Amino acid sequence: MALQTTFTGRNITIPDRFKEHVDSKSEKIAQLADKGQRLEIKVSSESSHRRADTTMTVELTVVGRGKVIRSEAQSDDKFAAFETAFNKLLERLRRARDRKKNRARSNGQHSPSVGE
């Protein structure tokens, strides 16, 4: 099942190349997101008055029937920020899936003890 993906840019126009990059990675999120139906991507560009550079913030949110799972990362480059946030999101999705499996296993199903 493909995720519905929405892009929001704050102080930035999101280029097609970035959207294509996200779309190529979203299949992995769809596999791990149990009942994830929507992927929200927010890209913000903030200029610091103290420094000459601009910080890119990428927020990824998976919204479904279960819990909302979110990650965020900052970098000078939106692609680097996306990769960091993407990896954090995958880890959180894996953890949520594993917790759900463990809960299902302990609810009435036989779980082998150490001596078996």
Protein backbone atom coordinates (compact mmCIF):
# COMPACT_ATOMS: atom_id res chain seq x y z
CA MET A 1 0.00 0.00 0.00
CA ALA A 2 1.48 3.34 -1.03
CA LEU A 3 1.49 6.16 1.46
CA GLN A 4 -0.21 9.43 0.68
CA THR A 5 2.62 11.96 0.85
CA THR A 6 2.21 15.68 1.55
CA PHE A 7 4.99 18.25 1.34
CA THR A 8 5.04 21.56 3.18
CA GLY A 9 7.76 24.15 2.77
CA ARG A 10 8.41 27.00 5.19
CA ASN A 11 10.53 29.80 3.74
CA ILE A 12 11.50 27.42 0.92
CA THR A 13 10.15 26.01 -2.32
CA ILE A 14 10.57 22.23 -2.36
CA PRO A 15 12.23 21.16 -5.63
CA ASP A 16 10.94 18.19 -7.66
CA ARG A 17 14.31 16.46 -7.27
CA PHE A 18 13.81 16.40 -3.47
CA LYS A 19 10.23 15.07 -3.86
CA GLU A 20 11.47 12.31 -6.18
CA HIS A 21 14.19 11.40 -3.65
CA VAL A 22 11.58 11.15 -0.87
CA ASP A 23 9.23 9.10 -3.07
CA SER A 24 12.02 6.63 -3.82
CA LYS A 25 12.54 6.11 -0.06
CA SER A 26 8.88 6.10 1.01
CA GLU A 27 8.39 2.44 0.02
CA LYS A 28 10.57 1.42 2.97
CA ILE A 29 8.39 3.52 5.30
CA ALA A 30 5.24 1.94 3.86
CA GLN A 31 6.65 -1.53 4.61
CA LEU A 32 7.37 -0.70 8.25
CA ALA A 33 4.39 1.54 9.01
CA ASP A 34 1.76 -0.89 10.25
CA LYS A 35 -1.30 1.08 9.34
CA GLY A 36 0.39 4.24 8.18
CA GLN A 37 -1.76 6.04 5.71
CA ARG A 38 -0.07 9.38 5.35
CA LEU A 39 3.48 10.69 5.33
CA GLU A 40 3.87 14.38 6.05
CA ILE A 41 7.13 16.08 5.15
CA LYS A 42 7.86 19.60 6.36
CA VAL A 43 10.98 21.36 5.16
CA SER A 44 11.93 24.62 6.87
CA SER A 45 14.69 27.02 6.01
CA GLU A 46 15.93 29.24 8.81
CA SER A 47 18.59 31.87 8.55
CA SER A 48 20.45 32.56 11.72
CA HIS A 49 21.25 36.18 12.34
CA ARG A 50 24.32 35.09 14.32
CA ARG A 51 25.75 32.94 11.53
CA ALA A 52 25.90 33.49 7.82
CA ASP A 53 24.61 30.01 6.96
CA THR A 54 21.08 28.70 6.63
CA THR A 55 19.81 25.70 8.56
CA MET A 56 17.45 23.24 6.89
CA THR A 57 15.03 21.36 9.14
CA VAL A 58 13.20 18.29 7.85
CA GLU A 59 10.29 16.85 9.85
CA LEU A 60 8.81 13.47 8.90
CA THR A 61 5.48 12.35 10.37
CA VAL A 62 3.70 9.05 9.72
CA VAL A 63 0.00 9.34 10.50
CA GLY A 64 -2.22 6.27 10.60
CA ARG A 65 -4.82 4.54 12.71
CA GLY A 66 -2.26 3.78 15.40
CA LYS A 67 0.24 6.10 16.99
CA VAL A 68 1.73 9.06 15.19
CA ILE A 69 5.45 8.52 14.66
CA ARG A 70 7.64 11.53 14.02
CA SER A 71 11.28 12.42 13.46
CA GLU A 72 13.18 15.61 12.81
CA ALA A 73 16.71 16.54 11.76
CA GLN A 74 18.69 19.66 10.90
CA SER A 75 21.55 20.20 8.52
CA ASP A 76 22.94 22.73 6.07
CA ASP A 77 21.53 20.60 3.24
CA LYS A 78 17.93 19.42 2.99
CA PHE A 79 18.99 16.03 1.55
CA ALA A 80 21.33 15.38 4.49
CA ALA A 81 18.63 16.47 6.95
CA PHE A 82 16.14 14.18 5.22
CA GLU A 83 18.49 11.18 5.40
CA THR A 84 19.07 11.69 9.13
CA ALA A 85 15.35 12.14 9.83
CA PHE A 86 14.53 9.16 7.56
CA ASN A 87 16.90 6.87 9.47
CA LYS A 88 15.47 8.01 12.81
CA LEU A 89 11.94 7.41 11.52
CA LEU A 90 12.78 3.90 10.29
CA GLU A 91 14.26 3.04 13.69
CA ARG A 92 11.15 4.31 15.48
CA LEU A 93 8.87 2.40 13.10
CA ARG A 94 10.89 -0.80 13.67
CA ARG A 95 10.70 -0.35 17.44
CA ALA A 96 6.94 0.23 17.31
CA ARG A 97 6.48 -2.87 15.12
CA ASP A 98 8.63 -5.00 17.45
CA ARG A 99 6.73 -3.79 20.52
CA LYS A 100 3.48 -4.72 18.82
CA LYS A 101 4.81 -8.20 17.95
CA ASN A 102 6.03 -8.73 21.52
CA ARG A 103 2.68 -7.64 22.93
CA ALA A 104 0.82 -10.02 20.59
CA ARG A 105 3.16 -12.84 21.59
CA SER A 106 2.62 -12.27 25.31
CA ASN A 107 -1.17 -11.96 25.01
CA GLY A 108 -2.28 -15.55 25.36
CA GLN A 109 0.11 -17.08 22.88
CA HIS A 110 2.70 -19.50 24.15
CA SER A 111 6.11 -17.95 24.54
CA PRO A 112 8.89 -20.44 25.21
CA SER A 113 10.72 -20.00 28.48
CA VAL A 114 14.48 -20.14 28.82
CA GLY A 115 14.63 -23.85 29.62
CA GLU A 116 12.60 -25.03 26.60
